[in-house]
Amino acid sequence: MRDEEFQILLQGVKEAVEHYHGLRHDLRTTILPGRPEPMEPAEVRALRERTGASQAFFAHALNVSTKTVQAWESGARTPDGGNLKLLRLAEAHPEIVFEHLHEPPPGPVQQPAKPRRTRKPRPQPV
């Protein structure tokens, strides 16, 4: 390491120590939010029931599978990471997460067209 690089590094350490001891107020401190509390199976079920949603609709609103919601409610799995954060957000503000849960889809609902059955061509006699 060159002396110039070492001096820059040493200056940074001195500034950090001064900030730690409250001698500097010109440095930015970022405080990260804590992790959400784990959610018990009964809490997941109660949240779903409070929204009036079936497991399938609840899963669709959270962008997870119905099997995942069933596993959370039975205690076979516990929500974690982004799913847990989203569940805690839904608990505090269900109107945001489940905003369009009970609204009909926009526009007319179209049924998919049934595929036409076609016959295989018969082989031509030679």
Protein backbone atom coordinates (compact mmCIF):
# COMPACT_ATOMS: atom_id res chain seq x y z
CA MET A 1 0.00 0.00 0.00
CA ARG A 2 1.33 3.37 -0.94
CA ASP A 3 1.78 6.04 1.71
CA GLU A 4 -0.85 8.26 0.06
CA GLU A 5 -3.47 5.48 0.21
CA PHE A 6 -2.57 4.70 3.81
CA GLN A 7 -3.03 8.37 4.80
CA ILE A 8 -6.52 8.44 3.20
CA LEU A 9 -7.44 5.25 5.05
CA LEU A 10 -6.06 6.59 8.34
CA GLN A 11 -8.01 9.84 7.93
CA GLY A 12 -11.22 7.84 7.41
CA VAL A 13 -10.62 5.85 10.58
CA LYS A 14 -9.99 9.06 12.56
CA GLU A 15 -13.25 10.56 11.26
CA ALA A 16 -15.17 7.40 12.20
CA VAL A 17 -13.75 7.43 15.75
CA GLU A 18 -14.61 11.14 16.14
CA HIS A 19 -18.13 10.45 14.91
CA TYR A 20 -18.50 7.55 17.32
CA HIS A 21 -17.51 9.78 20.25
CA GLY A 22 -19.94 12.52 19.15
CA LEU A 23 -17.26 14.96 18.05
CA ARG A 24 -18.43 15.08 14.41
CA HIS A 25 -21.93 15.78 13.19
CA ASP A 26 -21.24 16.15 9.48
CA LEU A 27 -21.22 12.41 8.77
CA ARG A 28 -24.38 10.55 7.82
CA THR A 29 -25.67 7.70 9.95
CA THR A 30 -28.15 5.28 8.46
CA ILE A 31 -30.31 3.30 10.85
CA LEU A 32 -31.81 0.24 9.21
CA PRO A 33 -35.27 -0.95 10.22
CA GLY A 34 -35.38 -4.11 12.29
CA ARG A 35 -36.54 -7.44 11.00
CA PRO A 36 -40.26 -8.11 11.32
CA GLU A 37 -41.40 -10.36 14.14
CA PRO A 38 -42.08 -13.96 13.06
CA MET A 39 -45.72 -14.72 12.33
CA GLU A 40 -47.49 -17.66 13.96
CA PRO A 41 -49.85 -19.88 11.92
CA ALA A 42 -52.87 -18.54 13.82
CA GLU A 43 -51.83 -14.97 12.95
CA VAL A 44 -51.66 -15.81 9.24
CA ARG A 45 -55.09 -17.45 9.36
CA ALA A 46 -56.57 -14.55 11.35
CA LEU A 47 -55.22 -12.03 8.84
CA ARG A 48 -56.67 -14.00 5.94
CA GLU A 49 -60.04 -14.35 7.63
CA ARG A 50 -60.09 -10.65 8.51
CA THR A 51 -59.72 -9.82 4.81
CA GLY A 52 -62.55 -12.21 3.96
CA ALA A 53 -60.37 -14.02 1.43
CA SER A 54 -60.11 -17.68 0.62
CA GLN A 55 -56.66 -19.24 0.72
CA ALA A 56 -56.49 -19.04 -3.08
CA PHE A 57 -57.33 -15.33 -3.24
CA PHE A 58 -55.05 -14.56 -0.30
CA ALA A 59 -52.21 -16.41 -2.03
CA HIS A 60 -52.87 -14.57 -5.29
CA ALA A 61 -52.77 -11.17 -3.53
CA LEU A 62 -49.42 -12.06 -1.91
CA ASN A 63 -48.05 -13.61 -5.12
CA VAL A 64 -47.45 -17.01 -3.52
CA SER A 65 -49.01 -20.40 -4.14
CA THR A 66 -52.08 -21.66 -2.32
CA LYS A 67 -49.95 -24.52 -0.99
CA THR A 68 -47.63 -21.95 0.62
CA VAL A 69 -50.54 -20.28 2.43
CA GLN A 70 -51.79 -23.69 3.56
CA ALA A 71 -48.31 -24.56 4.87
CA TRP A 72 -48.11 -21.25 6.77
CA GLU A 73 -51.53 -21.78 8.34
CA SER A 74 -50.78 -25.38 9.32
CA GLY A 75 -47.37 -24.54 10.77
CA ALA A 76 -45.50 -26.75 8.30
CA ARG A 77 -43.62 -23.65 7.11
CA THR A 78 -43.14 -20.16 8.45
CA PRO A 79 -43.15 -17.02 6.30
CA ASP A 80 -39.77 -15.31 6.09
CA GLY A 81 -37.92 -12.64 4.15
CA GLY A 82 -40.04 -10.55 1.82
CA ASN A 83 -43.14 -12.66 2.44
CA LEU A 84 -42.99 -11.97 6.16
CA LYS A 85 -42.46 -8.25 5.52
CA LEU A 86 -45.45 -8.22 3.16
CA LEU A 87 -47.64 -10.07 5.67
CA ARG A 88 -46.75 -7.57 8.40
CA LEU A 89 -47.52 -4.73 6.00
CA ALA A 90 -50.86 -6.37 5.15
CA GLU A 91 -51.57 -6.72 8.87
CA ALA A 92 -51.01 -2.99 9.45
CA HIS A 93 -52.52 -1.73 6.16
CA PRO A 94 -54.71 -4.41 4.54
CA GLU A 95 -56.30 -1.81 2.25
CA ILE A 96 -52.96 -1.42 0.46
CA VAL A 97 -52.11 -5.09 -0.05
CA PHE A 98 -55.64 -6.34 -0.68
CA GLU A 99 -56.90 -3.23 -2.50
CA HIS A 100 -58.23 -5.05 -5.56
CA LEU A 101 -58.96 -8.40 -3.95
CA HIS A 102 -62.75 -8.23 -4.15
CA GLU A 103 -63.12 -6.01 -7.21
CA PRO A 104 -64.24 -7.54 -10.49
CA PRO A 105 -61.64 -7.50 -13.24
CA PRO A 106 -61.81 -4.46 -15.52
CA GLY A 107 -63.65 -4.89 -18.80
CA PRO A 108 -65.68 -7.83 -20.01
CA VAL A 109 -64.54 -11.27 -19.00
CA GLN A 110 -63.77 -13.33 -22.07
CA GLN A 111 -63.75 -17.07 -22.05
CA PRO A 112 -60.85 -18.63 -23.90
CA ALA A 113 -61.84 -19.99 -27.28
CA LYS A 114 -62.09 -23.74 -27.48
CA PRO A 115 -59.55 -25.24 -29.84
CA ARG A 116 -61.04 -26.62 -33.03
CA ARG A 117 -60.64 -30.28 -33.66
CA THR A 118 -59.28 -31.10 -37.04
CA ARG A 119 -59.14 -34.44 -38.74
CA LYS A 120 -55.89 -35.90 -39.85
CA PRO A 121 -55.69 -36.05 -43.64
CA ARG A 122 -56.20 -39.50 -45.05
CA PRO A 123 -53.33 -40.97 -46.96
CA GLN A 124 -53.89 -40.80 -50.70
CA PRO A 125 -53.95 -44.13 -52.53
CA VAL A 126 -51.03 -44.67 -54.82
